[in-house]
C-alpha atoms as a PDB file:
ATOM      1  CA  UNK A   1      -4.879  29.030 -15.585  1.00  0.00           C
ATOM      2  CA  UNK A   2      -4.699  25.348 -16.562  1.00  0.00           C
ATOM      3  CA  UNK A   3      -6.687  22.766 -14.633  1.00  0.00           C
ATOM      4  CA  UNK A   4      -4.878  20.321 -12.356  1.00  0.00           C
ATOM      5  CA  UNK A   5      -4.144  16.985 -14.042  1.00  0.00           C
ATOM      6  CA  UNK A   6      -6.458  14.082 -13.252  1.00  0.00           C
ATOM      7  CA  UNK A   7      -4.916  11.685 -10.711  1.00  0.00           C
ATOM      8  CA  UNK A   8      -3.891   8.287 -12.008  1.00  0.00           C
ATOM      9  CA  UNK A   9      -5.850   6.638  -9.179  1.00  0.00           C
ATOM     10  CA  UNK A  10      -8.668   8.042  -7.043  1.00  0.00           C
ATOM     11  CA  UNK A  11     -10.382   6.093  -4.273  1.00  0.00           C
ATOM     12  CA  UNK A  12     -13.562   7.473  -2.678  1.00  0.00           C
ATOM     13  CA  UNK A  13     -15.337   6.039   0.359  1.00  0.00           C
ATOM     14  CA  UNK A  14     -13.795   2.581   0.039  1.00  0.00           C
ATOM     15  CA  UNK A  15     -15.312   0.047   2.421  1.00  0.00           C
ATOM     16  CA  UNK A  16     -14.749  -3.681   2.894  1.00  0.00           C
ATOM     17  CA  UNK A  17     -16.798  -5.673   5.401  1.00  0.00           C
ATOM     18  CA  UNK A  18     -16.167  -9.357   6.131  1.00  0.00           C
ATOM     19  CA  UNK A  19     -19.202 -11.197   7.547  1.00  0.00           C
ATOM     20  CA  UNK A  20     -18.973 -13.039  10.880  1.00  0.00           C
ATOM     21  CA  UNK A  21     -20.976 -16.253  10.608  1.00  0.00           C
ATOM     22  CA  UNK A  22     -22.109 -18.236  13.634  1.00  0.00           C
ATOM     23  CA  UNK A  23     -24.241 -21.245  14.459  1.00  0.00           C
ATOM     24  CA  UNK A  24     -25.134 -24.382  12.540  1.00  0.00           C
ATOM     25  CA  UNK A  25     -26.815 -22.394   9.770  1.00  0.00           C
ATOM     26  CA  UNK A  26     -23.893 -19.962   9.513  1.00  0.00           C
ATOM     27  CA  UNK A  27     -26.082 -16.913   9.879  1.00  0.00           C
ATOM     28  CA  UNK A  28     -24.363 -13.539   9.717  1.00  0.00           C
ATOM     29  CA  UNK A  29     -23.936 -12.252  13.262  1.00  0.00           C
ATOM     30  CA  UNK A  30     -21.924  -9.150  12.446  1.00  0.00           C
ATOM     31  CA  UNK A  31     -19.183  -7.717  10.282  1.00  0.00           C
ATOM     32  CA  UNK A  32     -15.472  -7.043  10.534  1.00  0.00           C
ATOM     33  CA  UNK A  33     -14.936  -3.497   9.282  1.00  0.00           C
ATOM     34  CA  UNK A  34     -11.577  -4.150   7.619  1.00  0.00           C
ATOM     35  CA  UNK A  35     -11.713  -0.950   5.539  1.00  0.00           C
ATOM     36  CA  UNK A  36     -14.115   1.747   6.658  1.00  0.00           C
ATOM     37  CA  UNK A  37     -14.564   4.740   4.370  1.00  0.00           C
ATOM     38  CA  UNK A  38     -11.048   5.296   2.997  1.00  0.00           C
ATOM     39  CA  UNK A  39     -10.445   8.032   0.387  1.00  0.00           C
ATOM     40  CA  UNK A  40      -7.207   9.123  -1.319  1.00  0.00           C
ATOM     41  CA  UNK A  41      -5.636   9.776  -4.709  1.00  0.00           C
ATOM     42  CA  UNK A  42      -2.263   9.102  -6.342  1.00  0.00           C
ATOM     43  CA  UNK A  43      -0.838  11.284  -9.112  1.00  0.00           C
ATOM     44  CA  UNK A  44       1.058   9.763 -12.007  1.00  0.00           C
ATOM     45  CA  UNK A  45       4.719   9.125 -11.164  1.00  0.00           C
ATOM     46  CA  UNK A  46       4.079   9.511  -7.432  1.00  0.00           C
ATOM     47  CA  UNK A  47       4.558   7.097  -4.518  1.00  0.00           C
ATOM     48  CA  UNK A  48       1.935   7.039  -1.773  1.00  0.00           C
ATOM     49  CA  UNK A  49       3.017   5.192   1.368  1.00  0.00           C
ATOM     50  CA  UNK A  50       0.250   3.439   3.323  1.00  0.00           C
ATOM     51  CA  UNK A  51       1.278   2.713   6.929  1.00  0.00           C
ATOM     52  CA  UNK A  52      -0.200   1.479  10.191  1.00  0.00           C
ATOM     53  CA  UNK A  53      -0.124  -1.375  12.672  1.00  0.00           C
ATOM     54  CA  UNK A  54      -0.697  -4.968  11.605  1.00  0.00           C
ATOM     55  CA  UNK A  55      -4.392  -5.567  11.008  1.00  0.00           C
ATOM     56  CA  UNK A  56      -5.288  -1.941  10.307  1.00  0.00           C
ATOM     57  CA  UNK A  57      -6.532  -2.690   6.771  1.00  0.00           C
ATOM     58  CA  UNK A  58      -3.537  -1.697   4.626  1.00  0.00           C
ATOM     59  CA  UNK A  59      -3.341  -4.885   2.563  1.00  0.00           C
ATOM     60  CA  UNK A  60      -7.125  -5.156   2.260  1.00  0.00           C
ATOM     61  CA  UNK A  61      -7.194  -1.622   0.874  1.00  0.00           C
ATOM     62  CA  UNK A  62      -4.477  -2.499  -1.645  1.00  0.00           C
ATOM     63  CA  UNK A  63      -6.260  -5.650  -2.780  1.00  0.00           C
ATOM     64  CA  UNK A  64      -9.555  -3.795  -3.145  1.00  0.00           C
ATOM     65  CA  UNK A  65      -7.843  -1.198  -5.334  1.00  0.00           C
ATOM     66  CA  UNK A  66      -6.731  -3.979  -7.693  1.00  0.00           C
ATOM     67  CA  UNK A  67     -10.124  -5.724  -7.449  1.00  0.00           C
ATOM     68  CA  UNK A  68      -8.306  -8.821  -6.171  1.00  0.00           C
ATOM     69  CA  UNK A  69     -11.133  -8.804  -3.630  1.00  0.00           C
ATOM     70  CA  UNK A  70     -14.468  -7.106  -4.156  1.00  0.00           C
ATOM     71  CA  UNK A  71     -15.063  -3.971  -2.055  1.00  0.00           C
ATOM     72  CA  UNK A  72     -18.341  -3.696  -0.186  1.00  0.00           C
ATOM     73  CA  UNK A  73     -18.829  -0.032  -1.087  1.00  0.00           C
ATOM     74  CA  UNK A  74     -16.965   2.936  -2.525  1.00  0.00           C
ATOM     75  CA  UNK A  75     -15.577   3.947  -5.898  1.00  0.00           C
ATOM     76  CA  UNK A  76     -12.173   3.314  -7.499  1.00  0.00           C
ATOM     77  CA  UNK A  77     -11.289   5.439 -10.514  1.00  0.00           C
ATOM     78  CA  UNK A  78      -8.207   4.901 -12.686  1.00  0.00           C
ATOM     79  CA  UNK A  79      -7.014   6.960 -15.633  1.00  0.00           C
ATOM     80  CA  UNK A  80      -6.126   4.501 -18.387  1.00  0.00           C
ATOM     81  CA  UNK A  81      -3.492   4.877 -21.097  1.00  0.00           C
ATOM     82  CA  UNK A  82      -5.819   6.655 -23.562  1.00  0.00           C
ATOM     83  CA  UNK A  83      -6.590   9.354 -20.974  1.00  0.00           C
ATOM     84  CA  UNK A  84     -10.141   8.304 -20.103  1.00  0.00           C
ATOM     85  CA  UNK A  85     -11.176   7.671 -16.479  1.00  0.00           C
ATOM     86  CA  UNK A  86     -12.693   4.292 -15.643  1.00  0.00           C
ATOM     87  CA  UNK A  87     -14.554   3.224 -12.480  1.00  0.00           C
ATOM     88  CA  UNK A  88     -13.368  -0.307 -11.682  1.00  0.00           C
ATOM     89  CA  UNK A  89     -16.575  -1.337  -9.966  1.00  0.00           C
ATOM     90  CA  UNK A  90     -18.516  -0.898 -13.223  1.00  0.00           C
ATOM     91  CA  UNK A  91     -16.303  -3.128 -15.347  1.00  0.00           C
ATOM     92  CA  UNK A  92     -17.305  -6.577 -16.569  1.00  0.00           C
ATOM     93  CA  UNK A  93     -14.775  -9.421 -16.040  1.00  0.00           C
ATOM     94  CA  UNK A  94     -13.479  -9.248 -19.629  1.00  0.00           C
ATOM     95  CA  UNK A  95     -12.986  -5.471 -19.387  1.00  0.00           C
ATOM     96  CA  UNK A  96     -11.274  -5.793 -16.012  1.00  0.00           C
ATOM     97  CA  UNK A  97      -8.926  -8.462 -17.360  1.00  0.00           C
ATOM     98  CA  UNK A  98      -7.819  -6.155 -20.179  1.00  0.00           C
ATOM     99  CA  UNK A  99      -7.232  -3.348 -17.680  1.00  0.00           C
ATOM    100  CA  UNK A 100      -5.040  -5.534 -15.459  1.00  0.00           C
ATOM    101  CA  UNK A 101      -2.146  -4.857 -17.838  1.00  0.00           C
ATOM    102  CA  UNK A 102      -1.986  -1.390 -16.271  1.00  0.00           C
ATOM    103  CA  UNK A 103      -2.231  -2.536 -12.616  1.00  0.00           C
ATOM    104  CA  UNK A 104       0.172  -5.048 -11.084  1.00  0.00           C
ATOM    105  CA  UNK A 105       1.218  -6.171  -7.608  1.00  0.00           C
ATOM    106  CA  UNK A 106       4.501  -7.007  -5.857  1.00  0.00           C
ATOM    107  CA  UNK A 107       3.774  -9.470  -3.066  1.00  0.00           C
ATOM    108  CA  UNK A 108       5.138  -9.468   0.464  1.00  0.00           C
ATOM    109  CA  UNK A 109       6.616 -12.972   0.649  1.00  0.00           C
ATOM    110  CA  UNK A 110       9.117 -13.758  -2.135  1.00  0.00           C
ATOM    111  CA  UNK A 111       9.128 -17.444  -1.146  1.00  0.00           C
ATOM    112  CA  UNK A 112       5.437 -18.365  -1.355  1.00  0.00           C
ATOM    113  CA  UNK A 113       4.509 -15.973  -4.194  1.00  0.00           C
ATOM    114  CA  UNK A 114       6.619 -17.900  -6.745  1.00  0.00           C
ATOM    115  CA  UNK A 115       5.559 -21.335  -8.008  1.00  0.00           C
ATOM    116  CA  UNK A 116       8.471 -23.704  -7.178  1.00  0.00           C
ATOM    117  CA  UNK A 117       7.644 -25.893 -10.200  1.00  0.00           C
ATOM    118  CA  UNK A 118       8.096 -23.109 -12.742  1.00  0.00           C
ATOM    119  CA  UNK A 119      11.313 -21.684 -14.160  1.00  0.00           C
ATOM    120  CA  UNK A 120      11.976 -17.958 -14.258  1.00  0.00           C
ATOM    121  CA  UNK A 121      11.050 -17.968 -17.943  1.00  0.00           C
ATOM    122  CA  UNK A 122       7.630 -19.394 -17.109  1.00  0.00           C
ATOM    123  CA  UNK A 123       7.132 -17.234 -14.005  1.00  0.00           C
ATOM    124  CA  UNK A 124       7.997 -13.892 -15.581  1.00  0.00           C
ATOM    125  CA  UNK A 125       6.654 -14.842 -19.011  1.00  0.00           C
ATOM    126  CA  UNK A 126       3.267 -16.130 -17.825  1.00  0.00           C
ATOM    127  CA  UNK A 127       1.588 -12.667 -17.855  1.00  0.00           C
ATOM    128  CA  UNK A 128       2.862 -12.171 -21.404  1.00  0.00           C
ATOM    129  CA  UNK A 129       1.389 -15.507 -22.498  1.00  0.00           C
ATOM    130  CA  UNK A 130      -1.950 -14.804 -20.803  1.00  0.00           C
ATOM    131  CA  UNK A 131      -2.205 -11.433 -22.546  1.00  0.00           C
ATOM    132  CA  UNK A 132      -1.500 -12.720 -26.037  1.00  0.00           C
ATOM    133  CA  UNK A 133       2.250 -13.064 -26.609  1.00  0.00           C
ATOM    134  CA  UNK A 134       2.219 -16.581 -28.096  1.00  0.00           C
ATOM    135  CA  UNK A 135       5.735 -16.563 -29.566  1.00  0.00           C
ATOM    136  CA  UNK A 136       8.140 -18.272 -27.144  1.00  0.00           C
ATOM    137  CA  UNK A 137      11.096 -16.457 -28.681  1.00  0.00           C
ATOM    138  CA  UNK A 138       9.481 -13.065 -28.089  1.00  0.00           C
ATOM    139  CA  UNK A 139       8.736 -14.048 -24.502  1.00  0.00           C
ATOM    140  CA  UNK A 140      12.347 -15.140 -23.950  1.00  0.00           C
ATOM    141  CA  UNK A 141      13.645 -11.811 -25.266  1.00  0.00           C
ATOM    142  CA  UNK A 142      11.223  -9.849 -23.063  1.00  0.00           C
ATOM    143  CA  UNK A 143      12.052 -11.939 -19.974  1.00  0.00           C
ATOM    144  CA  UNK A 144      15.782 -11.508 -20.604  1.00  0.00           C
ATOM    145  CA  UNK A 145      15.311  -7.719 -20.756  1.00  0.00           C
ATOM    146  CA  UNK A 146      13.245  -7.724 -17.564  1.00  0.00           C
ATOM    147  CA  UNK A 147      15.830  -9.776 -15.687  1.00  0.00           C
ATOM    148  CA  UNK A 148      18.558  -7.328 -16.716  1.00  0.00           C
ATOM    149  CA  UNK A 149      16.447  -4.418 -15.486  1.00  0.00           C
ATOM    150  CA  UNK A 150      16.082  -5.929 -12.019  1.00  0.00           C
ATOM    151  CA  UNK A 151      19.749  -6.886 -11.698  1.00  0.00           C
ATOM    152  CA  UNK A 152      19.656 -10.593 -12.627  1.00  0.00           C
ATOM    153  CA  UNK A 153      21.492 -12.381 -15.414  1.00  0.00           C
ATOM    154  CA  UNK A 154      19.356 -13.490 -18.406  1.00  0.00           C
ATOM    155  CA  UNK A 155      20.783 -17.018 -18.332  1.00  0.00           C
ATOM    156  CA  UNK A 156      19.053 -17.496 -14.971  1.00  0.00           C
ATOM    157  CA  UNK A 157      15.704 -17.845 -16.771  1.00  0.00           C
ATOM    158  CA  UNK A 158      16.167 -21.641 -16.983  1.00  0.00           C
ATOM    159  CA  UNK A 159      16.495 -22.006 -13.206  1.00  0.00           C
ATOM    160  CA  UNK A 160      13.844 -22.628 -10.554  1.00  0.00           C
ATOM    161  CA  UNK A 161      13.073 -20.310  -7.598  1.00  0.00           C
ATOM    162  CA  UNK A 162      14.775 -22.560  -5.002  1.00  0.00           C
ATOM    163  CA  UNK A 163      18.144 -21.628  -6.530  1.00  0.00           C
ATOM    164  CA  UNK A 164      17.832 -17.993  -5.449  1.00  0.00           C
ATOM    165  CA  UNK A 165      18.093 -16.013  -2.211  1.00  0.00           C
ATOM    166  CA  UNK A 166      15.222 -14.000  -0.740  1.00  0.00           C
ATOM    167  CA  UNK A 167      16.404 -10.749  -2.291  1.00  0.00           C
ATOM    168  CA  UNK A 168      16.839 -12.373  -5.713  1.00  0.00           C
ATOM    169  CA  UNK A 169      13.371 -13.904  -5.477  1.00  0.00           C
ATOM    170  CA  UNK A 170      11.902 -10.494  -4.773  1.00  0.00           C
ATOM    171  CA  UNK A 171      13.687  -9.179  -7.867  1.00  0.00           C
ATOM    172  CA  UNK A 172      11.979 -11.970  -9.815  1.00  0.00           C
ATOM    173  CA  UNK A 173       8.636 -10.853  -8.378  1.00  0.00           C
ATOM    174  CA  UNK A 174       9.354  -7.289  -9.460  1.00  0.00           C
ATOM    175  CA  UNK A 175      10.271  -8.452 -12.964  1.00  0.00           C
ATOM    176  CA  UNK A 176       6.986 -10.362 -13.179  1.00  0.00           C
ATOM    177  CA  UNK A 177       5.034  -7.283 -12.057  1.00  0.00           C
ATOM    178  CA  UNK A 178       6.708  -5.179 -14.783  1.00  0.00           C
ATOM    179  CA  UNK A 179       6.175  -7.696 -17.599  1.00  0.00           C
ATOM    180  CA  UNK A 180       3.084  -5.963 -19.037  1.00  0.00           C
ATOM    181  CA  UNK A 181       4.361  -2.351 -18.778  1.00  0.00           C
ATOM    182  CA  UNK A 182       1.995  -1.382 -15.919  1.00  0.00           C
ATOM    183  CA  UNK A 183       1.358   2.211 -14.906  1.00  0.00           C
ATOM    184  CA  UNK A 184       0.255   1.468 -11.322  1.00  0.00           C
ATOM    185  CA  UNK A 185       2.204  -0.955  -9.116  1.00  0.00           C
ATOM    186  CA  UNK A 186       0.895  -1.942  -5.684  1.00  0.00           C
ATOM    187  CA  UNK A 187       3.817  -3.029  -3.481  1.00  0.00           C
ATOM    188  CA  UNK A 188       2.501  -4.948  -0.462  1.00  0.00           C
ATOM    189  CA  UNK A 189       5.332  -4.761   2.102  1.00  0.00           C
ATOM    190  CA  UNK A 190       7.872  -5.846  -0.544  1.00  0.00           C
ATOM    191  CA  UNK A 191      10.921  -5.659   1.758  1.00  0.00           C
ATOM    192  CA  UNK A 192       9.544  -6.766   5.146  1.00  0.00           C
ATOM    193  CA  UNK A 193      10.692 -10.391   4.670  1.00  0.00           C
ATOM    194  CA  UNK A 194      14.243  -9.421   3.666  1.00  0.00           C
ATOM    195  CA  UNK A 195      17.477  -8.663   5.539  1.00  0.00           C
ATOM    196  CA  UNK A 196      18.134  -4.986   6.191  1.00  0.00           C
ATOM    197  CA  UNK A 197      21.042  -4.764   3.729  1.00  0.00           C
ATOM    198  CA  UNK A 198      18.925  -6.396   1.016  1.00  0.00           C
ATOM    199  CA  UNK A 199      16.015  -4.083   1.816  1.00  0.00           C
ATOM    200  CA  UNK A 200      18.095  -1.080   0.797  1.00  0.00           C
ATOM    201  CA  UNK A 201      19.001  -2.718  -2.521  1.00  0.00           C
ATOM    202  CA  UNK A 202      15.369  -3.493  -3.358  1.00  0.00           C
ATOM    203  CA  UNK A 203      14.211   0.006  -2.377  1.00  0.00           C
ATOM    204  CA  UNK A 204      16.872   1.612  -4.547  1.00  0.00           C
ATOM    205  CA  UNK A 205      15.855  -0.693  -7.400  1.00  0.00           C
ATOM    206  CA  UNK A 206      12.214   0.384  -7.055  1.00  0.00           C
ATOM    207  CA  UNK A 207      13.231   4.057  -7.078  1.00  0.00           C
ATOM    208  CA  UNK A 208      15.372   3.563 -10.206  1.00  0.00           C
ATOM    209  CA  UNK A 209      12.626   1.652 -12.007  1.00  0.00           C
ATOM    210  CA  UNK A 210      10.125   4.373 -11.154  1.00  0.00           C
ATOM    211  CA  UNK A 211      12.375   7.012 -12.705  1.00  0.00           C
ATOM    212  CA  UNK A 212      13.095   4.929 -15.813  1.00  0.00           C
ATOM    213  CA  UNK A 213       9.578   3.628 -16.482  1.00  0.00           C
ATOM    214  CA  UNK A 214       7.444   6.433 -15.023  1.00  0.00           C
ATOM    215  CA  UNK A 215       5.784   4.067 -12.566  1.00  0.00           C
ATOM    216  CA  UNK A 216       3.251   5.019  -9.911  1.00  0.00           C
ATOM    217  CA  UNK A 217       3.425   3.164  -6.581  1.00  0.00           C
ATOM    218  CA  UNK A 218       0.996   2.420  -3.778  1.00  0.00           C
ATOM    219  CA  UNK A 219       3.577   1.307  -1.209  1.00  0.00           C
ATOM    220  CA  UNK A 220       2.161  -0.624   1.760  1.00  0.00           C
ATOM    221  CA  UNK A 221       4.475  -0.970   4.769  1.00  0.00           C
ATOM    222  CA  UNK A 222       4.737  -0.733   8.531  1.00  0.00           C
ATOM    223  CA  UNK A 223       8.410   0.292   8.660  1.00  0.00           C
ATOM    224  CA  UNK A 224       8.388   4.091   8.857  1.00  0.00           C
ATOM    225  CA  UNK A 225      12.024   4.483   7.802  1.00  0.00           C
ATOM    226  CA  UNK A 226      11.337   2.511   4.625  1.00  0.00           C
ATOM    227  CA  UNK A 227       8.256   4.584   3.842  1.00  0.00           C
ATOM    228  CA  UNK A 228      10.134   7.837   4.393  1.00  0.00           C
ATOM    229  CA  UNK A 229      12.847   6.780   1.944  1.00  0.00           C
ATOM    230  CA  UNK A 230      10.554   6.009  -0.967  1.00  0.00           C
ATOM    231  CA  UNK A 231       7.284   7.958  -0.565  1.00  0.00           C
ATOM    232  CA  UNK A 232       6.203  11.390  -1.749  1.00  0.00           C
ATOM    233  CA  UNK A 233       3.156  11.357   0.528  1.00  0.00           C
ATOM    234  CA  UNK A 234       2.176   9.139   3.455  1.00  0.00           C
ATOM    235  CA  UNK A 235      -1.271   7.962   4.574  1.00  0.00           C
ATOM    236  CA  UNK A 236      -1.737   6.560   8.094  1.00  0.00           C
ATOM    237  CA  UNK A 237      -4.469   3.999   8.840  1.00  0.00           C
ATOM    238  CA  UNK A 238      -5.939   2.868  12.159  1.00  0.00           C
ATOM    239  CA  UNK A 239      -8.592   0.124  12.449  1.00  0.00           C
ATOM    240  CA  UNK A 240      -9.779   0.473   8.864  1.00  0.00           C
ATOM    241  CA  UNK A 241      -9.906   4.265   8.812  1.00  0.00           C
ATOM    242  CA  UNK A 242      -7.459   6.796   7.473  1.00  0.00           C
ATOM    243  CA  UNK A 243      -6.398   9.194  10.248  1.00  0.00           C
ATOM    244  CA  UNK A 244      -3.780  11.373   8.509  1.00  0.00           C
ATOM    245  CA  UNK A 245      -2.474  12.078   5.008  1.00  0.00           C
ATOM    246  CA  UNK A 246       0.309  14.528   4.151  1.00  0.00           C
ATOM    247  CA  UNK A 247       3.529  15.074   2.269  1.00  0.00           C
ATOM    248  CA  UNK A 248       6.263  12.884   3.702  1.00  0.00           C
ATOM    249  CA  UNK A 249       8.517  15.607   5.115  1.00  0.00           C
ATOM    250  CA  UNK A 250       5.628  17.492   6.690  1.00  0.00           C
ATOM    251  CA  UNK A 251       4.066  14.418   8.275  1.00  0.00           C
ATOM    252  CA  UNK A 252       7.348  13.276   9.824  1.00  0.00           C
ATOM    253  CA  UNK A 253       8.279  16.773  11.001  1.00  0.00           C
ATOM    254  CA  UNK A 254       4.880  17.884  12.328  1.00  0.00           C
ATOM    255  CA  UNK A 255       2.289  15.111  12.743  1.00  0.00           C
ATOM    256  CA  UNK A 256      -1.192  16.338  13.655  1.00  0.00           C
ATOM    257  CA  UNK A 257      -2.825  13.090  14.818  1.00  0.00           C
ATOM    258  CA  UNK A 258      -1.804  11.478  18.151  1.00  0.00           C
ATOM    259  CA  UNK A 259      -1.619   8.029  16.554  1.00  0.00           C
ATOM    260  CA  UNK A 260       0.814   9.261  13.904  1.00  0.00           C
ATOM    261  CA  UNK A 261       2.968  10.837  16.620  1.00  0.00           C
ATOM    262  CA  UNK A 262       2.972   7.529  18.537  1.00  0.00           C
ATOM    263  CA  UNK A 263       4.039   5.611  15.425  1.00  0.00           C
ATOM    264  CA  UNK A 264       6.876   8.041  14.756  1.00  0.00           C
ATOM    265  CA  UNK A 265       8.077   7.883  18.350  1.00  0.00           C
ATOM    266  CA  UNK A 266       8.286   4.069  18.124  1.00  0.00           C
ATOM    267  CA  UNK A 267      10.883   4.208  15.334  1.00  0.00           C
ATOM    268  CA  UNK A 268      14.349   3.582  16.880  1.00  0.00           C
ATOM    269  CA  UNK A 269      16.924   6.377  16.794  1.00  0.00           C
ATOM    270  CA  UNK A 270      20.093   5.443  14.866  1.00  0.00           C
ATOM    271  CA  UNK A 271      22.251   7.312  17.422  1.00  0.00           C
ATOM    272  CA  UNK A 272      22.720   5.306  20.671  1.00  0.00           C
ATOM    273  CA  UNK A 273      23.463   8.539  22.573  1.00  0.00           C
ATOM    274  CA  UNK A 274      19.985   9.916  21.881  1.00  0.00           C
ATOM    275  CA  UNK A 275      17.431   9.030  24.526  1.00  0.00           C
ATOM    276  CA  UNK A 276      14.202   7.454  23.307  1.00  0.00           C
ATOM    277  CA  UNK A 277      11.145   9.737  23.367  1.00  0.00           C
ATOM    278  CA  UNK A 278       8.681   6.957  22.714  1.00  0.00           C
ATOM    279  CA  UNK A 279       5.035   7.696  23.422  1.00  0.00           C
ATOM    280  CA  UNK A 280       3.648   4.567  25.078  1.00  0.00           C
ATOM    281  CA  UNK A 281       0.008   3.972  24.230  1.00  0.00           C
ATOM    282  CA  UNK A 282      -2.236   2.344  26.821  1.00  0.00           C
ATOM    283  CA  UNK A 283      -4.828  -0.327  26.095  1.00  0.00           C
ATOM    284  CA  UNK A 284      -5.365  -2.551  23.070  1.00  0.00           C
ATOM    285  CA  UNK A 285      -6.102  -1.868  19.416  1.00  0.00           C
ATOM    286  CA  UNK A 286      -9.847  -1.515  18.856  1.00  0.00           C
ATOM    287  CA  UNK A 287     -11.749  -4.560  17.629  1.00  0.00           C
ATOM    288  CA  UNK A 288     -12.797  -3.924  13.996  1.00  0.00           C
ATOM    289  CA  UNK A 289     -15.810  -6.188  14.540  1.00  0.00           C
ATOM    290  CA  UNK A 290     -17.032  -3.989  17.426  1.00  0.00           C
ATOM    291  CA  UNK A 291     -15.262  -0.626  17.179  1.00  0.00           C
ATOM    292  CA  UNK A 292     -15.838   2.013  19.856  1.00  0.00           C
ATOM    293  CA  UNK A 293     -18.105   4.984  19.280  1.00  0.00           C
ATOM    294  CA  UNK A 294     -16.756   8.326  18.122  1.00  0.00           C
ATOM    295  CA  UNK A 295     -13.061   8.293  17.213  1.00  0.00           C
ATOM    296  CA  UNK A 296     -11.776   4.714  17.029  1.00  0.00           C
ATOM    297  CA  UNK A 297      -8.517   5.829  18.647  1.00  0.00           C
ATOM    298  CA  UNK A 298     -10.020   7.528  21.701  1.00  0.00           C
ATOM    299  CA  UNK A 299      -9.609   4.582  24.174  1.00  0.00           C
ATOM    300  CA  UNK A 300      -5.821   4.788  23.682  1.00  0.00           C
ATOM    301  CA  UNK A 301      -5.427   8.521  23.065  1.00  0.00           C
ATOM    302  CA  UNK A 302      -3.811  10.563  25.858  1.00  0.00           C
ATOM    303  CA  UNK A 303      -5.512  13.714  24.524  1.00  0.00           C
ATOM    304  CA  UNK A 304      -9.085  12.372  24.257  1.00  0.00           C
ATOM    305  CA  UNK A 305     -11.965  14.575  25.463  1.00  0.00           C
ATOM    306  CA  UNK A 306     -15.708  13.971  25.685  1.00  0.00           C
ATOM    307  CA  UNK A 307     -16.446  14.778  22.040  1.00  0.00           C
ATOM    308  CA  UNK A 308     -13.906  12.139  20.944  1.00  0.00           C
ATOM    309  CA  UNK A 309     -16.017   9.456  22.629  1.00  0.00           C
ATOM    310  CA  UNK A 310     -19.291  10.411  20.975  1.00  0.00           C
ATOM    311  CA  UNK A 311     -18.657  11.980  17.558  1.00  0.00           C
ATOM    312  CA  UNK A 312     -16.711  10.683  14.567  1.00  0.00           C
ATOM    313  CA  UNK A 313     -14.046  13.279  13.661  1.00  0.00           C
ATOM    314  CA  UNK A 314     -14.416  14.967  10.294  1.00  0.00           C
ATOM    315  CA  UNK A 315     -11.769  14.444   7.609  1.00  0.00           C
ATOM    316  CA  UNK A 316     -10.394  17.979   7.276  1.00  0.00           C
ATOM    317  CA  UNK A 317      -7.586  19.781   5.464  1.00  0.00           C
ATOM    318  CA  UNK A 318      -5.737  21.687   8.191  1.00  0.00           C
ATOM    319  CA  UNK A 319      -2.977  22.971   5.888  1.00  0.00           C
ATOM    320  CA  UNK A 320      -2.353  22.655   2.142  1.00  0.00           C
ATOM    321  CA  UNK A 321      -2.419  18.930   1.183  1.00  0.00           C
ATOM    322  CA  UNK A 322      -2.360  17.901   4.881  1.00  0.00           C
ATOM    323  CA  UNK A 323      -5.508  16.035   5.941  1.00  0.00           C
ATOM    324  CA  UNK A 324      -6.334  14.649   9.372  1.00  0.00           C
ATOM    325  CA  UNK A 325      -9.278  13.083  11.179  1.00  0.00           C
ATOM    326  CA  UNK A 326      -8.991  14.423  14.748  1.00  0.00           C
ATOM    327  CA  UNK A 327     -11.222  16.749  16.799  1.00  0.00           C
ATOM    328  CA  UNK A 328      -8.195  18.445  18.386  1.00  0.00           C
ATOM    329  CA  UNK A 329      -5.878  18.660  15.367  1.00  0.00           C
ATOM    330  CA  UNK A 330      -5.825  22.468  15.390  1.00  0.00           C
ATOM    331  CA  UNK A 331      -4.785  22.777  19.057  1.00  0.00           C
ATOM    332  CA  UNK A 332      -2.363  19.890  19.657  1.00  0.00           C
ATOM    333  CA  UNK A 333       1.388  20.406  19.292  1.00  0.00           C
ATOM    334  CA  UNK A 334       2.810  16.949  18.666  1.00  0.00           C
ATOM    335  CA  UNK A 335       6.459  15.923  18.385  1.00  0.00           C
ATOM    336  CA  UNK A 336       7.757  14.626  15.094  1.00  0.00           C
ATOM    337  CA  UNK A 337      11.167  13.400  13.999  1.00  0.00           C
ATOM    338  CA  UNK A 338      13.993  15.287  12.368  1.00  0.00           C
END
């Protein structure tokens, strides 16, 4: 029996704390636990959706994975093109720079992520220049090919970003992310700033590019319908912690964490004749600088019992490839969506 292939990306115990400084001397008075012990993996060619409310730590997790910000603790392993596995935290700056060819990011805002003083040729071609492609003609040919792949005309490369709509600017951002033939692409809410009709076009483009180029996505979003359309598996975060991780169909059909069920119930039904079954949560989201004891979700959870207030729930596999952090996961019967 052959061994399972090594995941392209594996994150273990990832933690990111931001210090809270007070007083004239700016002494550290505490920490914001933006990411608090997150673990997951992504197989090659797969899309993992990372969802949760605003401020739950999704984007911080994504930026830590790329080493755009330095994690406080944890390990990040990536399988590089030659098959070896590298731990990003152990790399020197020069080694990390060489590895960045294999890891790229699509940013949330297509307006502020593009330099208005640069043409498309300079924007999309800049990664090529930084990584050694000195010939301008070679860069022009590569940029022209990238623009065709994302649905833009090559002659647009002489224009500036202000000449394009939001959806076209996001296509430019995608072309820039693909310039160096990456294997892992982190998409940080790439369609949240776009009109709904344009969102569908960009999502379909990402799916097509994944099939053509064998890309692997970490897809950060808060729109559950978007995540369901593009993801193979979905991870749910709450106040810096991961509370559930499962295959997309199983998580939407049979969630096992009360927070996941509440998120699913908040998604609007496309049929106006169907009555809303929204689960209204009481209270406020926990403060990541002073989280409650036990399960972070217990002050808002309608199913909380005494153990939820005192003990941190274990991260357990309750069915094949379905993980959840909840004391009552085995006994609760929660409603999903069809």
